[in-house]
Amino acid sequence: KNRLFRPFDTTKSGKGMGIGVYQTREFIRNLGGDVLVKSEAGIGTTFTIRIPLDTEENITTAAKVE
């Protein structure tokens, strides 16, 4: 888990560049969200992606600013 979000860090020699999960988290964070990970050995891993939902009020305000 500590290595998961490190760019270019992979446990699969010769397969991939180890940047996919890092890029995903950075993209989601740029949207104001986050990626959460819960992992249990022998059970599995759960990724939760949280992205804030704009309310109608925020969308209207943004349109007025433009």
C-alpha atoms as a PDB file:
ATOM      1  CA  LYS A   1       0.000   0.000   0.000  1.00  0.00           C
ATOM      2  CA  ASN A   2       2.863   2.385   0.755  1.00  0.00           C
ATOM      3  CA  ARG A   3       4.257   1.905  -2.756  1.00  0.00           C
ATOM      4  CA  LEU A   4       0.935   1.983  -4.573  1.00  0.00           C
ATOM      5  CA  PHE A   5       0.828   5.695  -5.385  1.00  0.00           C
ATOM      6  CA  ARG A   6       4.566   6.095  -6.050  1.00  0.00           C
ATOM      7  CA  PRO A   7       5.123   6.936  -9.728  1.00  0.00           C
ATOM      8  CA  PHE A   8       7.233   4.482 -11.746  1.00  0.00           C
ATOM      9  CA  ASP A   9       7.246   1.940  -8.903  1.00  0.00           C
ATOM     10  CA  THR A  10       6.120  -1.510  -9.995  1.00  0.00           C
ATOM     11  CA  THR A  11       6.296  -5.050  -8.667  1.00  0.00           C
ATOM     12  CA  LYS A  12       5.836  -6.523 -12.161  1.00  0.00           C
ATOM     13  CA  SER A  13       9.211  -6.433 -13.868  1.00  0.00           C
ATOM     14  CA  GLY A  14       8.853  -5.637 -17.559  1.00  0.00           C
ATOM     15  CA  LYS A  15       5.072  -5.147 -17.382  1.00  0.00           C
ATOM     16  CA  GLY A  16       3.848  -1.588 -17.320  1.00  0.00           C
ATOM     17  CA  MET A  17       5.529   1.528 -16.040  1.00  0.00           C
ATOM     18  CA  GLY A  18       3.985   1.732 -12.583  1.00  0.00           C
ATOM     19  CA  ILE A  19       2.297   5.046 -13.210  1.00  0.00           C
ATOM     20  CA  GLY A  20      -1.393   4.218 -13.797  1.00  0.00           C
ATOM     21  CA  VAL A  21      -2.669   4.398 -10.212  1.00  0.00           C
ATOM     22  CA  TYR A  22      -0.535   7.479  -9.531  1.00  0.00           C
ATOM     23  CA  GLN A  23      -1.943   9.273 -12.598  1.00  0.00           C
ATOM     24  CA  THR A  24      -5.478   8.279 -11.672  1.00  0.00           C
ATOM     25  CA  ARG A  25      -5.132   9.684  -8.156  1.00  0.00           C
ATOM     26  CA  GLU A  26      -3.597  12.941  -9.416  1.00  0.00           C
ATOM     27  CA  PHE A  27      -6.406  13.368 -11.970  1.00  0.00           C
ATOM     28  CA  ILE A  28      -9.085  12.760  -9.327  1.00  0.00           C
ATOM     29  CA  ARG A  29      -7.348  15.158  -6.911  1.00  0.00           C
ATOM     30  CA  ASN A  30      -7.321  17.853  -9.605  1.00  0.00           C
ATOM     31  CA  LEU A  31     -11.105  17.491  -9.638  1.00  0.00           C
ATOM     32  CA  GLY A  32     -11.165  18.055  -5.865  1.00  0.00           C
ATOM     33  CA  GLY A  33     -11.589  14.384  -5.014  1.00  0.00           C
ATOM     34  CA  ASP A  34      -9.453  11.519  -3.775  1.00  0.00           C
ATOM     35  CA  VAL A  35      -8.778   7.804  -4.206  1.00  0.00           C
ATOM     36  CA  LEU A  36      -8.965   5.658  -1.078  1.00  0.00           C
ATOM     37  CA  VAL A  37      -7.626   2.106  -0.795  1.00  0.00           C
ATOM     38  CA  LYS A  38      -8.520  -0.643   1.644  1.00  0.00           C
ATOM     39  CA  SER A  39      -6.653  -3.919   1.288  1.00  0.00           C
ATOM     40  CA  GLU A  40      -6.816  -7.139   3.276  1.00  0.00           C
ATOM     41  CA  ALA A  41      -4.372  -9.971   2.604  1.00  0.00           C
ATOM     42  CA  GLY A  42      -6.167 -13.033   1.283  1.00  0.00           C
ATOM     43  CA  ILE A  43      -9.433 -11.092   0.922  1.00  0.00           C
ATOM     44  CA  GLY A  44      -8.892  -8.430  -1.724  1.00  0.00           C
ATOM     45  CA  THR A  45      -8.594  -4.719  -2.336  1.00  0.00           C
ATOM     46  CA  THR A  46     -11.268  -2.035  -2.555  1.00  0.00           C
ATOM     47  CA  PHE A  47     -10.659   1.275  -4.317  1.00  0.00           C
ATOM     48  CA  THR A  48     -13.054   4.111  -3.497  1.00  0.00           C
ATOM     49  CA  ILE A  49     -13.044   7.114  -5.817  1.00  0.00           C
ATOM     50  CA  ARG A  50     -14.629  10.273  -4.462  1.00  0.00           C
ATOM     51  CA  ILE A  51     -15.356  13.195  -6.758  1.00  0.00           C
ATOM     52  CA  PRO A  52     -17.307  16.197  -5.487  1.00  0.00           C
ATOM     53  CA  LEU A  53     -20.635  16.814  -7.153  1.00  0.00           C
ATOM     54  CA  ASP A  54     -21.296  20.386  -8.218  1.00  0.00           C
ATOM     55  CA  THR A  55     -24.628  21.701  -7.061  1.00  0.00           C
ATOM     56  CA  GLU A  56     -26.902  23.693  -9.344  1.00  0.00           C
ATOM     57  CA  GLU A  57     -25.919  26.818  -7.390  1.00  0.00           C
ATOM     58  CA  ASN A  58     -22.198  26.271  -8.071  1.00  0.00           C
ATOM     59  CA  ILE A  59     -22.826  25.634 -11.768  1.00  0.00           C
ATOM     60  CA  THR A  60     -24.913  28.812 -12.076  1.00  0.00           C
ATOM     61  CA  THR A  61     -22.243  30.867 -10.285  1.00  0.00           C
ATOM     62  CA  ALA A  62     -19.504  29.485 -12.541  1.00  0.00           C
ATOM     63  CA  ALA A  63     -21.535  30.347 -15.637  1.00  0.00           C
ATOM     64  CA  LYS A  64     -21.941  33.956 -14.450  1.00  0.00           C
ATOM     65  CA  VAL A  65     -18.189  34.349 -13.895  1.00  0.00           C
ATOM     66  CA  GLU A  66     -17.371  33.338 -17.467  1.00  0.00           C
END
